[in-house]
Amino acid sequence: MQTSKQEPGCRTIRQSRWRFDLWSGEPKQSQQKCRLALYGNCYRFKDDECLSMLLRKQTALGGEWRVNVEFEPALVAEEAGTTVWWSKHCYASVGIRGLGDEENPEGSVRSKAVVFRFPDRSLPEEDVFQEISIPWTATTLQVKIACHSLQYDFYIRQDADKDWHQVGSMKAKVLTRTRVYDSFCTGTMIGIYALGSPNRPCLQPALFDGVVWKGVRGGGP
């Protein structure tokens, strides 16, 4: 659902809000909130084939994106989370990822981490990414992305936490590549994703709810 607000005398929308809510049970009597389930396929961000991902247009320079993720990876490299997406060559993501160890680099998960993945600013013309990994024991994750005109700030917290923890930021200019193969005509997207391990789909779903986009645009006479 999308709602908008327009002040008198303004030609442009000053605020737009977008969210989705899925419900089960009898309406009005026993409304039980459902969650959107994504099953990760065998493709990764770098692949030409379509991975399991839902995207929406970032309709304003300034705004805030929030989403709750619940995911329990069974195999190493399985991952689910949220992304700011320009193309497969340039994006940022925050998600829960399954990890192995030296004796088990592939196969069953030994631990989990929240991984913030973003383009390397020092190599603007290369498809090189950096990662910040935070050990994570919970199966749930709340993510907030604060969108500004010049950068994106990424925050995480657990359900019981009251304060947001910033995991990193990304300059907006990193996304504005105009190479032929960057698909720049589509503009910037924000969305959710789920990944299986390399060449293996994920058999358990990633569950998403509380997805909200609040975009603010300046009006004029």
N, C-alpha and C. Protein backbone atom coordinates (compact mmCIF):
# COMPACT_ATOMS: atom_id res chain seq x y z
N MET A 1 0.84 -1.18 0.00
CA MET A 1 0.00 0.00 0.00
C MET A 1 0.88 1.23 0.00
N GLN A 2 0.49 2.26 -0.72
CA GLN A 2 1.25 3.51 -0.78
C GLN A 2 0.33 4.67 -0.51
N THR A 3 0.75 5.56 0.40
CA THR A 3 -0.01 6.76 0.68
C THR A 3 0.89 7.95 0.48
N SER A 4 0.28 9.08 0.18
CA SER A 4 1.07 10.28 -0.04
C SER A 4 0.36 11.48 0.55
N LYS A 5 1.13 12.53 0.80
CA LYS A 5 0.61 13.76 1.39
C LYS A 5 1.09 14.95 0.58
N GLN A 6 0.20 15.81 0.20
CA GLN A 6 0.56 16.99 -0.59
C GLN A 6 0.02 18.23 0.10
N GLU A 7 0.91 19.18 0.39
CA GLU A 7 0.51 20.40 1.07
C GLU A 7 -0.07 21.39 0.06
N PRO A 8 -0.97 22.26 0.55
CA PRO A 8 -1.56 23.26 -0.36
C PRO A 8 -0.48 24.15 -0.99
N GLY A 9 -0.61 24.40 -2.29
CA GLY A 9 0.33 25.26 -2.98
C GLY A 9 1.59 24.58 -3.45
N CYS A 10 1.73 23.29 -3.16
CA CYS A 10 2.93 22.55 -3.57
C CYS A 10 2.61 21.70 -4.78
N ARG A 11 3.51 21.66 -5.71
CA ARG A 11 3.31 20.87 -6.91
C ARG A 11 3.84 19.46 -6.76
N THR A 12 4.72 19.24 -5.78
CA THR A 12 5.32 17.92 -5.61
C THR A 12 4.95 17.34 -4.27
N ILE A 13 4.94 16.04 -4.22
CA ILE A 13 4.61 15.35 -2.98
C ILE A 13 5.75 15.57 -1.97
N ARG A 14 5.39 15.93 -0.76
CA ARG A 14 6.41 16.18 0.25
C ARG A 14 6.77 14.90 1.01
N GLN A 15 5.87 13.98 1.12
CA GLN A 15 6.19 12.75 1.83
C GLN A 15 5.42 11.59 1.20
N SER A 16 6.09 10.50 1.03
CA SER A 16 5.42 9.29 0.54
C SER A 16 5.78 8.14 1.46
N ARG A 17 4.82 7.28 1.71
CA ARG A 17 5.03 6.13 2.59
C ARG A 17 4.60 4.88 1.84
N TRP A 18 5.37 3.83 2.01
CA TRP A 18 5.07 2.57 1.32
C TRP A 18 5.37 1.43 2.27
N ARG A 19 4.50 0.45 2.32
CA ARG A 19 4.73 -0.71 3.18
C ARG A 19 3.88 -1.86 2.66
N PHE A 20 4.22 -3.09 3.08
CA PHE A 20 3.32 -4.19 2.81
C PHE A 20 3.05 -4.94 4.09
N ASP A 21 1.82 -5.40 4.22
CA ASP A 21 1.41 -6.21 5.36
C ASP A 21 0.57 -7.36 4.83
N LEU A 22 0.91 -8.55 5.22
CA LEU A 22 0.16 -9.74 4.86
C LEU A 22 -0.48 -10.30 6.12
N TRP A 23 -1.73 -10.73 6.00
CA TRP A 23 -2.44 -11.18 7.19
C TRP A 23 -3.09 -12.54 6.91
N SER A 24 -3.26 -13.32 7.98
CA SER A 24 -4.01 -14.58 7.89
C SER A 24 -5.06 -14.58 8.98
N GLY A 25 -5.94 -15.56 8.92
CA GLY A 25 -7.00 -15.62 9.92
C GLY A 25 -8.21 -14.82 9.47
N GLU A 26 -9.23 -14.82 10.30
CA GLU A 26 -10.45 -14.10 9.98
C GLU A 26 -10.21 -12.60 10.13
N PRO A 27 -10.59 -11.83 9.13
CA PRO A 27 -10.37 -10.39 9.23
C PRO A 27 -11.15 -9.79 10.40
N LYS A 28 -10.55 -8.83 11.08
CA LYS A 28 -11.12 -8.03 12.16
C LYS A 28 -11.26 -8.83 13.45
N GLN A 29 -11.51 -10.13 13.39
CA GLN A 29 -11.65 -10.91 14.62
C GLN A 29 -10.29 -11.37 15.15
N SER A 30 -9.56 -12.12 14.35
CA SER A 30 -8.27 -12.68 14.81
C SER A 30 -7.22 -12.41 13.73
N GLN A 31 -6.76 -11.19 13.68
CA GLN A 31 -5.78 -10.82 12.68
C GLN A 31 -4.40 -11.23 13.17
N GLN A 32 -3.81 -12.21 12.51
CA GLN A 32 -2.47 -12.68 12.84
C GLN A 32 -1.53 -12.30 11.71
N LYS A 33 -0.51 -11.53 12.04
CA LYS A 33 0.36 -11.02 11.01
C LYS A 33 1.20 -12.12 10.40
N CYS A 34 1.24 -12.17 9.08
CA CYS A 34 2.05 -13.14 8.36
C CYS A 34 3.34 -12.48 7.88
N ARG A 35 4.22 -13.30 7.34
CA ARG A 35 5.48 -12.78 6.82
C ARG A 35 5.69 -13.28 5.40
N LEU A 36 6.40 -12.48 4.64
CA LEU A 36 6.73 -12.85 3.27
C LEU A 36 7.91 -13.81 3.29
N ALA A 37 7.80 -14.93 2.61
CA ALA A 37 8.85 -15.95 2.60
C ALA A 37 9.56 -15.95 1.24
N LEU A 38 10.88 -15.89 1.28
CA LEU A 38 11.71 -16.02 0.09
C LEU A 38 12.63 -17.23 0.26
N TYR A 39 12.66 -18.07 -0.77
CA TYR A 39 13.60 -19.19 -0.80
C TYR A 39 14.76 -18.82 -1.71
N GLY A 40 15.96 -18.83 -1.16
CA GLY A 40 17.12 -18.49 -1.95
C GLY A 40 17.41 -19.55 -3.01
N ASN A 41 17.67 -19.12 -4.24
CA ASN A 41 18.04 -20.09 -5.26
C ASN A 41 19.57 -20.24 -5.29
N CYS A 42 20.09 -20.86 -6.31
CA CYS A 42 21.52 -21.18 -6.35
C CYS A 42 22.37 -20.06 -6.94
N TYR A 43 21.76 -18.90 -7.24
CA TYR A 43 22.50 -17.81 -7.86
C TYR A 43 22.91 -16.78 -6.82
N ARG A 44 24.04 -16.11 -7.07
CA ARG A 44 24.59 -15.11 -6.17
C ARG A 44 24.47 -13.72 -6.79
N PHE A 45 24.87 -12.71 -6.04
CA PHE A 45 24.81 -11.34 -6.54
C PHE A 45 25.59 -11.17 -7.85
N LYS A 46 26.70 -11.85 -7.99
CA LYS A 46 27.57 -11.66 -9.15
C LYS A 46 27.08 -12.36 -10.40
N ASP A 47 26.10 -13.23 -10.29
CA ASP A 47 25.65 -14.02 -11.42
C ASP A 47 24.72 -13.21 -12.34
N ASP A 48 24.73 -13.55 -13.62
CA ASP A 48 23.82 -12.90 -14.57
C ASP A 48 22.39 -13.37 -14.38
N GLU A 49 22.21 -14.59 -13.90
CA GLU A 49 20.87 -15.10 -13.68
C GLU A 49 20.21 -14.38 -12.50
N CYS A 50 18.89 -14.47 -12.45
CA CYS A 50 18.13 -13.74 -11.44
C CYS A 50 18.15 -14.47 -10.10
N LEU A 51 18.66 -13.81 -9.07
CA LEU A 51 18.61 -14.37 -7.73
C LEU A 51 17.25 -14.09 -7.11
N SER A 52 17.01 -14.66 -5.94
CA SER A 52 15.74 -14.45 -5.24
C SER A 52 15.76 -13.08 -4.57
N MET A 53 15.11 -12.12 -5.17
CA MET A 53 15.17 -10.76 -4.68
C MET A 53 13.94 -9.99 -5.12
N LEU A 54 13.41 -9.16 -4.23
CA LEU A 54 12.30 -8.26 -4.55
C LEU A 54 12.78 -6.84 -4.35
N LEU A 55 12.58 -5.99 -5.36
CA LEU A 55 13.09 -4.62 -5.32
C LEU A 55 11.96 -3.62 -5.53
N ARG A 56 12.13 -2.44 -4.98
CA ARG A 56 11.25 -1.32 -5.23
C ARG A 56 12.09 -0.09 -5.52
N LYS A 57 11.53 0.85 -6.25
CA LYS A 57 12.24 2.06 -6.61
C LYS A 57 12.43 2.96 -5.39
N GLN A 58 13.62 3.53 -5.25
CA GLN A 58 13.83 4.59 -4.28
C GLN A 58 13.27 5.87 -4.88
N THR A 59 12.13 6.30 -4.37
CA THR A 59 11.37 7.38 -5.00
C THR A 59 11.74 8.76 -4.50
N ALA A 60 12.65 8.85 -3.55
CA ALA A 60 13.07 10.14 -3.01
C ALA A 60 14.52 10.05 -2.59
N LEU A 61 15.24 11.18 -2.68
CA LEU A 61 16.64 11.19 -2.25
C LEU A 61 16.76 10.92 -0.76
N GLY A 62 15.86 11.50 0.02
CA GLY A 62 15.87 11.31 1.46
C GLY A 62 14.77 10.38 1.89
N GLY A 63 15.04 9.53 2.88
CA GLY A 63 14.01 8.62 3.36
C GLY A 63 14.58 7.58 4.28
N GLU A 64 13.72 6.67 4.69
CA GLU A 64 14.12 5.61 5.62
C GLU A 64 13.46 4.30 5.23
N TRP A 65 14.25 3.25 5.21
CA TRP A 65 13.80 1.90 4.88
C TRP A 65 14.01 1.01 6.10
N ARG A 66 12.99 0.24 6.48
CA ARG A 66 13.12 -0.69 7.60
C ARG A 66 12.57 -2.05 7.19
N VAL A 67 13.16 -3.09 7.75
CA VAL A 67 12.70 -4.44 7.49
C VAL A 67 13.17 -5.36 8.62
N ASN A 68 12.33 -6.33 8.95
CA ASN A 68 12.68 -7.37 9.91
C ASN A 68 12.96 -8.66 9.15
N VAL A 69 14.06 -9.33 9.48
CA VAL A 69 14.47 -10.55 8.81
C VAL A 69 14.58 -11.68 9.83
N GLU A 70 14.04 -12.83 9.47
CA GLU A 70 14.25 -14.03 10.28
C GLU A 70 14.78 -15.14 9.35
N PHE A 71 15.95 -15.66 9.70
CA PHE A 71 16.59 -16.63 8.81
C PHE A 71 17.54 -17.50 9.62
N GLU A 72 17.48 -18.79 9.39
CA GLU A 72 18.36 -19.76 10.03
C GLU A 72 19.06 -20.57 8.94
N PRO A 73 20.26 -20.13 8.52
CA PRO A 73 20.96 -20.84 7.44
C PRO A 73 21.38 -22.23 7.89
N ALA A 74 21.27 -23.17 6.96
CA ALA A 74 21.69 -24.54 7.25
C ALA A 74 23.04 -24.86 6.62
N LEU A 75 23.36 -24.21 5.50
CA LEU A 75 24.62 -24.46 4.80
C LEU A 75 25.46 -23.18 4.76
N VAL A 76 26.76 -23.36 4.67
CA VAL A 76 27.68 -22.23 4.60
C VAL A 76 27.36 -21.36 3.39
N ALA A 77 27.37 -20.06 3.57
CA ALA A 77 27.16 -19.03 2.54
C ALA A 77 25.68 -18.76 2.26
N GLU A 78 24.76 -19.51 2.84
CA GLU A 78 23.36 -19.13 2.72
C GLU A 78 23.15 -17.81 3.45
N GLU A 79 22.33 -16.95 2.86
CA GLU A 79 22.23 -15.58 3.38
C GLU A 79 20.88 -14.98 3.04
N ALA A 80 20.41 -14.08 3.88
CA ALA A 80 19.17 -13.35 3.62
C ALA A 80 19.25 -12.00 4.29
N GLY A 81 18.69 -10.97 3.62
CA GLY A 81 18.73 -9.64 4.20
C GLY A 81 18.12 -8.61 3.28
N THR A 82 18.67 -7.40 3.34
CA THR A 82 18.15 -6.28 2.56
C THR A 82 19.28 -5.60 1.81
N THR A 83 18.94 -4.87 0.74
CA THR A 83 19.96 -4.33 -0.14
C THR A 83 19.57 -2.97 -0.70
N VAL A 84 20.57 -2.13 -0.95
CA VAL A 84 20.44 -0.96 -1.81
C VAL A 84 21.10 -1.35 -3.12
N TRP A 85 20.34 -1.32 -4.21
CA TRP A 85 20.75 -1.99 -5.44
C TRP A 85 20.80 -1.02 -6.61
N TRP A 86 21.93 -0.98 -7.27
CA TRP A 86 22.10 -0.26 -8.54
C TRP A 86 22.22 -1.26 -9.67
N SER A 87 23.07 -2.25 -9.51
CA SER A 87 23.22 -3.36 -10.43
C SER A 87 24.05 -4.41 -9.73
N LYS A 88 24.27 -5.53 -10.40
CA LYS A 88 25.09 -6.57 -9.78
C LYS A 88 26.54 -6.12 -9.62
N HIS A 89 26.91 -5.06 -10.32
CA HIS A 89 28.27 -4.53 -10.23
C HIS A 89 28.42 -3.53 -9.09
N CYS A 90 27.30 -3.05 -8.57
CA CYS A 90 27.39 -2.04 -7.53
C CYS A 90 26.13 -2.07 -6.66
N TYR A 91 26.30 -2.41 -5.40
CA TYR A 91 25.19 -2.51 -4.46
C TYR A 91 25.77 -2.55 -3.05
N ALA A 92 24.92 -2.45 -2.06
CA ALA A 92 25.29 -2.68 -0.67
C ALA A 92 24.23 -3.58 -0.06
N SER A 93 24.61 -4.44 0.86
CA SER A 93 23.66 -5.38 1.46
C SER A 93 24.00 -5.61 2.92
N VAL A 94 22.96 -5.93 3.70
CA VAL A 94 23.11 -6.32 5.10
C VAL A 94 22.26 -7.57 5.30
N GLY A 95 22.88 -8.65 5.78
CA GLY A 95 22.12 -9.89 5.92
C GLY A 95 22.75 -10.85 6.90
N ILE A 96 21.96 -11.87 7.27
CA ILE A 96 22.42 -12.97 8.11
C ILE A 96 23.02 -14.03 7.21
N ARG A 97 24.26 -14.42 7.48
CA ARG A 97 24.98 -15.40 6.65
C ARG A 97 25.46 -16.58 7.49
N GLY A 98 25.36 -17.77 6.91
CA GLY A 98 25.91 -18.96 7.55
C GLY A 98 27.41 -19.08 7.30
N LEU A 99 28.15 -19.41 8.35
CA LEU A 99 29.60 -19.50 8.26
C LEU A 99 30.08 -20.91 8.60
N GLY A 100 31.24 -21.28 8.03
CA GLY A 100 31.89 -22.53 8.37
C GLY A 100 33.13 -22.27 9.21
N ASP A 101 34.09 -23.17 9.16
CA ASP A 101 35.36 -22.97 9.83
C ASP A 101 36.46 -23.58 8.97
N GLU A 102 37.70 -23.61 9.48
CA GLU A 102 38.81 -24.12 8.69
C GLU A 102 38.63 -25.58 8.32
N GLU A 103 38.07 -26.36 9.22
CA GLU A 103 37.85 -27.77 8.94
C GLU A 103 36.60 -28.01 8.11
N ASN A 104 35.72 -27.05 8.09
CA ASN A 104 34.45 -27.20 7.37
C ASN A 104 34.14 -25.90 6.62
N PRO A 105 34.92 -25.59 5.56
CA PRO A 105 34.67 -24.35 4.83
C PRO A 105 33.38 -24.39 4.02
N GLU A 106 32.88 -25.57 3.75
CA GLU A 106 31.61 -25.75 3.07
C GLU A 106 30.78 -26.74 3.87
N GLY A 107 29.53 -26.88 3.50
CA GLY A 107 28.68 -27.84 4.20
C GLY A 107 27.87 -27.17 5.29
N SER A 108 27.69 -27.87 6.42
CA SER A 108 26.82 -27.40 7.49
C SER A 108 27.38 -26.15 8.17
N VAL A 109 26.45 -25.33 8.64
CA VAL A 109 26.83 -24.07 9.29
C VAL A 109 27.41 -24.34 10.68
N ARG A 110 28.49 -23.65 10.99
CA ARG A 110 29.09 -23.71 12.33
C ARG A 110 28.72 -22.50 13.17
N SER A 111 28.48 -21.36 12.51
CA SER A 111 28.11 -20.14 13.21
C SER A 111 27.43 -19.20 12.21
N LYS A 112 26.96 -18.05 12.72
CA LYS A 112 26.30 -17.06 11.88
C LYS A 112 26.93 -15.70 12.10
N ALA A 113 26.73 -14.81 11.13
CA ALA A 113 27.21 -13.44 11.24
C ALA A 113 26.28 -12.53 10.46
N VAL A 114 26.20 -11.30 10.91
CA VAL A 114 25.58 -10.25 10.10
C VAL A 114 26.68 -9.63 9.26
N VAL A 115 26.50 -9.63 7.97
CA VAL A 115 27.54 -9.17 7.04
C VAL A 115 27.05 -7.94 6.29
N PHE A 116 27.82 -6.87 6.41
CA PHE A 116 27.58 -5.65 5.63
C PHE A 116 28.56 -5.66 4.47
N ARG A 117 28.03 -5.69 3.26
CA ARG A 117 28.83 -5.78 2.04
C ARG A 117 28.63 -4.51 1.23
N PHE A 118 29.72 -3.89 0.76
CA PHE A 118 29.62 -2.60 0.09
C PHE A 118 30.77 -2.44 -0.90
N PRO A 119 30.63 -1.58 -1.91
CA PRO A 119 31.69 -1.39 -2.90
C PRO A 119 32.93 -0.74 -2.29
N ASP A 120 34.07 -1.12 -2.80
CA ASP A 120 35.33 -0.54 -2.36
C ASP A 120 35.48 0.86 -2.97
N ARG A 121 35.48 1.89 -2.14
CA ARG A 121 35.53 3.27 -2.64
C ARG A 121 36.87 3.59 -3.30
N SER A 122 37.92 2.86 -2.90
CA SER A 122 39.24 3.16 -3.45
C SER A 122 39.41 2.66 -4.88
N LEU A 123 38.47 1.81 -5.33
CA LEU A 123 38.53 1.27 -6.69
C LEU A 123 37.17 1.51 -7.36
N PRO A 124 36.86 2.75 -7.69
CA PRO A 124 35.52 3.07 -8.17
C PRO A 124 35.15 2.41 -9.49
N GLU A 125 36.12 2.03 -10.30
CA GLU A 125 35.82 1.46 -11.61
C GLU A 125 35.94 -0.06 -11.62
N GLU A 126 36.21 -0.66 -10.47
CA GLU A 126 36.35 -2.11 -10.38
C GLU A 126 35.21 -2.69 -9.55
N ASP A 127 34.84 -3.93 -9.86
CA ASP A 127 33.79 -4.61 -9.11
C ASP A 127 34.41 -5.31 -7.90
N VAL A 128 34.87 -4.51 -6.96
CA VAL A 128 35.51 -5.01 -5.75
C VAL A 128 34.67 -4.60 -4.54
N PHE A 129 34.41 -5.53 -3.64
CA PHE A 129 33.57 -5.27 -2.48
C PHE A 129 34.33 -5.54 -1.19
N GLN A 130 33.98 -4.80 -0.17
CA GLN A 130 34.48 -5.04 1.17
C GLN A 130 33.35 -5.59 2.02
N GLU A 131 33.72 -6.26 3.11
CA GLU A 131 32.71 -6.82 4.01
C GLU A 131 33.09 -6.53 5.46
N ILE A 132 32.08 -6.19 6.24
CA ILE A 132 32.21 -6.07 7.69
C ILE A 132 31.33 -7.16 8.29
N SER A 133 31.93 -8.03 9.10
CA SER A 133 31.22 -9.18 9.65
C SER A 133 31.09 -9.03 11.16
N ILE A 134 29.87 -9.20 11.65
CA ILE A 134 29.57 -9.10 13.08
C ILE A 134 29.00 -10.43 13.54
N PRO A 135 29.63 -11.14 14.50
CA PRO A 135 29.08 -12.41 14.99
C PRO A 135 27.64 -12.24 15.46
N TRP A 136 26.83 -13.24 15.13
CA TRP A 136 25.39 -13.13 15.40
C TRP A 136 24.86 -14.48 15.81
N THR A 137 24.14 -14.53 16.91
CA THR A 137 23.58 -15.80 17.39
C THR A 137 22.08 -15.88 17.18
N ALA A 138 21.42 -14.73 17.05
CA ALA A 138 19.96 -14.72 16.89
C ALA A 138 19.57 -15.12 15.48
N THR A 139 18.34 -15.56 15.32
CA THR A 139 17.80 -15.86 13.99
C THR A 139 17.08 -14.66 13.40
N THR A 140 16.88 -13.61 14.20
CA THR A 140 16.15 -12.44 13.73
C THR A 140 17.09 -11.24 13.66
N LEU A 141 16.73 -10.31 12.79
CA LEU A 141 17.54 -9.12 12.58
C LEU A 141 16.62 -8.00 12.11
N GLN A 142 16.78 -6.83 12.70
CA GLN A 142 16.09 -5.64 12.24
C GLN A 142 17.10 -4.72 11.56
N VAL A 143 16.75 -4.23 10.38
CA VAL A 143 17.66 -3.37 9.62
C VAL A 143 16.96 -2.06 9.31
N LYS A 144 17.71 -0.99 9.44
CA LYS A 144 17.24 0.34 9.05
C LYS A 144 18.28 0.96 8.12
N ILE A 145 17.82 1.49 7.00
CA ILE A 145 18.70 2.20 6.08
C ILE A 145 18.21 3.65 5.99
N ALA A 146 19.06 4.57 6.43
CA ALA A 146 18.75 5.99 6.34
C ALA A 146 19.33 6.53 5.04
N CYS A 147 18.45 6.97 4.16
CA CYS A 147 18.86 7.45 2.84
C CYS A 147 18.97 8.97 2.86
N HIS A 148 20.14 9.47 2.53
CA HIS A 148 20.38 10.90 2.45
C HIS A 148 20.77 11.25 1.01
N SER A 149 20.86 12.53 0.73
CA SER A 149 21.18 12.93 -0.64
C SER A 149 22.58 12.53 -1.05
N LEU A 150 23.50 12.41 -0.08
CA LEU A 150 24.89 12.12 -0.42
C LEU A 150 25.37 10.76 0.08
N GLN A 151 24.62 10.08 0.95
CA GLN A 151 25.08 8.79 1.44
C GLN A 151 23.94 7.99 2.04
N TYR A 152 24.24 6.71 2.29
CA TYR A 152 23.33 5.79 2.95
C TYR A 152 23.98 5.32 4.25
N ASP A 153 23.21 5.32 5.33
CA ASP A 153 23.69 4.82 6.62
C ASP A 153 22.90 3.56 6.96
N PHE A 154 23.62 2.51 7.40
CA PHE A 154 23.04 1.21 7.65
C PHE A 154 23.09 0.90 9.15
N TYR A 155 21.93 0.50 9.70
CA TYR A 155 21.82 0.21 11.13
C TYR A 155 21.19 -1.16 11.34
N ILE A 156 21.56 -1.81 12.44
CA ILE A 156 20.97 -3.10 12.79
C ILE A 156 20.64 -3.14 14.28
N ARG A 157 19.77 -4.06 14.66
CA ARG A 157 19.50 -4.35 16.06
C ARG A 157 18.74 -5.66 16.15
N GLN A 158 18.72 -6.26 17.37
CA GLN A 158 17.90 -7.42 17.63
C GLN A 158 16.53 -6.95 18.08
N ASP A 159 15.58 -7.89 18.13
CA ASP A 159 14.21 -7.52 18.49
C ASP A 159 14.14 -6.83 19.84
N ALA A 160 14.90 -7.34 20.82
CA ALA A 160 14.81 -6.83 22.18
C ALA A 160 15.60 -5.55 22.40
N ASP A 161 16.46 -5.21 21.46
CA ASP A 161 17.28 -4.02 21.62
C ASP A 161 16.46 -2.76 21.40
N LYS A 162 16.83 -1.70 22.10
CA LYS A 162 16.17 -0.42 21.93
C LYS A 162 16.96 0.53 21.04
N ASP A 163 18.26 0.38 21.02
CA ASP A 163 19.12 1.30 20.27
C ASP A 163 19.61 0.65 18.99
N TRP A 164 19.72 1.44 17.94
CA TRP A 164 20.26 0.99 16.67
C TRP A 164 21.78 1.05 16.71
N HIS A 165 22.41 0.09 16.07
CA HIS A 165 23.87 0.06 15.95
C HIS A 165 24.24 0.24 14.49
N GLN A 166 25.02 1.29 14.21
CA GLN A 166 25.41 1.55 12.82
C GLN A 166 26.54 0.62 12.41
N VAL A 167 26.32 -0.11 11.32
CA VAL A 167 27.33 -1.04 10.84
C VAL A 167 28.19 -0.44 9.74
N GLY A 168 27.75 0.67 9.15
CA GLY A 168 28.55 1.27 8.10
C GLY A 168 27.74 2.26 7.29
N SER A 169 28.38 2.82 6.28
CA SER A 169 27.73 3.78 5.39
C SER A 169 28.31 3.63 4.00
N MET A 170 27.64 4.23 3.03
CA MET A 170 28.07 4.17 1.65
C MET A 170 27.74 5.49 0.98
N LYS A 171 28.71 6.07 0.29
CA LYS A 171 28.48 7.31 -0.44
C LYS A 171 27.56 7.05 -1.64
N ALA A 172 26.62 7.96 -1.85
CA ALA A 172 25.69 7.80 -2.96
C ALA A 172 26.39 7.82 -4.30
N LYS A 173 27.48 8.57 -4.41
CA LYS A 173 28.17 8.67 -5.69
C LYS A 173 28.78 7.35 -6.13
N VAL A 174 28.98 6.43 -5.19
CA VAL A 174 29.50 5.11 -5.55
C VAL A 174 28.52 4.38 -6.46
N LEU A 175 27.23 4.67 -6.29
CA LEU A 175 26.22 3.98 -7.09
C LEU A 175 26.08 4.56 -8.50
N THR A 176 26.48 5.79 -8.70
CA THR A 176 26.18 6.46 -9.96
C THR A 176 27.24 6.18 -11.02
N ARG A 177 27.45 4.93 -11.29
CA ARG A 177 28.34 4.55 -12.38
C ARG A 177 27.55 4.57 -13.69
N THR A 178 28.19 4.99 -14.73
CA THR A 178 27.50 5.09 -16.03
C THR A 178 28.18 4.25 -17.08
N ARG A 179 28.75 3.13 -16.67
CA ARG A 179 29.31 2.21 -17.65
C ARG A 179 28.17 1.53 -18.40
N VAL A 180 28.45 1.01 -19.56
CA VAL A 180 27.41 0.45 -20.43
C VAL A 180 26.65 -0.68 -19.74
N TYR A 181 27.34 -1.46 -18.95
CA TYR A 181 26.73 -2.67 -18.39
C TYR A 181 26.22 -2.47 -16.96
N ASP A 182 26.05 -1.24 -16.50
CA ASP A 182 25.63 -1.01 -15.12
C ASP A 182 24.12 -0.89 -14.94
N SER A 183 23.34 -0.93 -16.01
CA SER A 183 21.87 -0.83 -15.92
C SER A 183 21.43 0.42 -15.19
N PHE A 184 22.13 1.53 -15.45
CA PHE A 184 21.88 2.73 -14.66
C PHE A 184 20.55 3.40 -14.98
N CYS A 185 19.90 3.02 -16.08
CA CYS A 185 18.63 3.64 -16.44
C CYS A 185 17.52 3.29 -15.44
N THR A 186 17.67 2.21 -14.71
CA THR A 186 16.64 1.80 -13.75
C THR A 186 16.73 2.60 -12.47
N GLY A 187 17.85 3.27 -12.21
CA GLY A 187 18.00 4.04 -10.99
C GLY A 187 18.27 3.15 -9.79
N THR A 188 18.19 3.73 -8.60
CA THR A 188 18.49 3.02 -7.36
C THR A 188 17.25 2.32 -6.84
N MET A 189 17.43 1.09 -6.41
CA MET A 189 16.37 0.28 -5.84
C MET A 189 16.72 -0.09 -4.40
N ILE A 190 15.68 -0.42 -3.62
CA ILE A 190 15.86 -0.95 -2.27
C ILE A 190 15.00 -2.20 -2.18
N GLY A 191 15.51 -3.24 -1.52
CA GLY A 191 14.71 -4.46 -1.48
C GLY A 191 15.23 -5.51 -0.53
N ILE A 192 14.70 -6.71 -0.67
CA ILE A 192 15.04 -7.84 0.17
C ILE A 192 15.52 -8.98 -0.72
N TYR A 193 16.33 -9.88 -0.14
CA TYR A 193 16.90 -10.97 -0.93
C TYR A 193 17.13 -12.20 -0.06
N ALA A 194 17.31 -13.32 -0.74
CA ALA A 194 17.71 -14.57 -0.09
C ALA A 194 18.64 -15.32 -1.04
N LEU A 195 19.72 -15.86 -0.50
CA LEU A 195 20.72 -16.57 -1.30
C LEU A 195 20.91 -17.98 -0.77
N GLY A 196 21.00 -18.95 -1.69
CA GLY A 196 21.44 -20.28 -1.31
C GLY A 196 22.96 -20.33 -1.30
N SER A 197 23.51 -21.49 -0.98
CA SER A 197 24.96 -21.64 -1.10
C SER A 197 25.32 -21.76 -2.58
N PRO A 198 26.58 -21.54 -2.95
CA PRO A 198 26.94 -21.59 -4.37
C PRO A 198 26.49 -22.88 -5.04
N ASN A 199 25.70 -22.73 -6.11
CA ASN A 199 25.20 -23.85 -6.91
C ASN A 199 24.21 -24.75 -6.17
N ARG A 200 23.71 -24.30 -5.02
CA ARG A 200 22.73 -25.09 -4.28
C ARG A 200 21.64 -24.17 -3.75
N PRO A 201 20.37 -24.45 -4.04
CA PRO A 201 19.29 -23.62 -3.51
C PRO A 201 19.12 -23.83 -2.01
N CYS A 202 18.47 -22.88 -1.39
CA CYS A 202 18.21 -22.94 0.04
C CYS A 202 16.86 -23.60 0.29
N LEU A 203 16.83 -24.56 1.19
CA LEU A 203 15.60 -25.32 1.44
C LEU A 203 14.74 -24.74 2.55
N GLN A 204 15.27 -23.78 3.30
CA GLN A 204 14.47 -23.14 4.33
C GLN A 204 14.26 -21.67 3.94
N PRO A 205 13.08 -21.13 4.24
CA PRO A 205 12.77 -19.78 3.76
C PRO A 205 13.38 -18.71 4.66
N ALA A 206 13.61 -17.55 4.06
CA ALA A 206 13.88 -16.34 4.81
C ALA A 206 12.55 -15.61 4.96
N LEU A 207 12.24 -15.18 6.17
CA LEU A 207 10.95 -14.57 6.46
C LEU A 207 11.13 -13.07 6.71
N PHE A 208 10.28 -12.28 6.07
CA PHE A 208 10.39 -10.83 6.16
C PHE A 208 9.06 -10.24 6.61
N ASP A 209 9.13 -9.24 7.46
CA ASP A 209 7.94 -8.46 7.80
C ASP A 209 8.38 -7.06 8.23
N GLY A 210 7.40 -6.24 8.58
CA GLY A 210 7.69 -4.88 9.01
C GLY A 210 8.39 -4.04 7.96
N VAL A 211 8.15 -4.34 6.68
CA VAL A 211 8.82 -3.60 5.61
C VAL A 211 8.15 -2.25 5.42
N VAL A 212 8.92 -1.17 5.60
CA VAL A 212 8.37 0.17 5.50
C VAL A 212 9.37 1.07 4.77
N TRP A 213 8.88 1.82 3.80
CA TRP A 213 9.68 2.86 3.15
C TRP A 213 8.98 4.19 3.36
N LYS A 214 9.70 5.16 3.93
CA LYS A 214 9.19 6.51 4.12
C LYS A 214 10.13 7.46 3.38
N GLY A 215 9.66 8.00 2.28
CA GLY A 215 10.48 8.90 1.48
C GLY A 215 10.01 10.34 1.62
N VAL A 216 10.93 11.28 1.68
CA VAL A 216 10.60 12.69 1.83
C VAL A 216 11.19 13.45 0.65
N ARG A 217 10.34 14.23 -0.04
CA ARG A 217 10.77 15.06 -1.15
C ARG A 217 10.35 16.50 -0.91
N GLY A 218 11.22 17.43 -1.24
CA GLY A 218 10.91 18.84 -1.04
C GLY A 218 9.94 19.35 -2.08
N GLY A 219 9.00 20.16 -1.67
CA GLY A 219 8.04 20.75 -2.59
C GLY A 219 8.43 22.15 -2.99
N GLY A 220 7.69 22.73 -3.89
CA GLY A 220 7.96 24.08 -4.36
C GLY A 220 6.68 24.78 -4.76
N PRO A 221 6.69 26.07 -4.88
CA PRO A 221 5.45 26.78 -5.25
C PRO A 221 5.05 26.50 -6.69
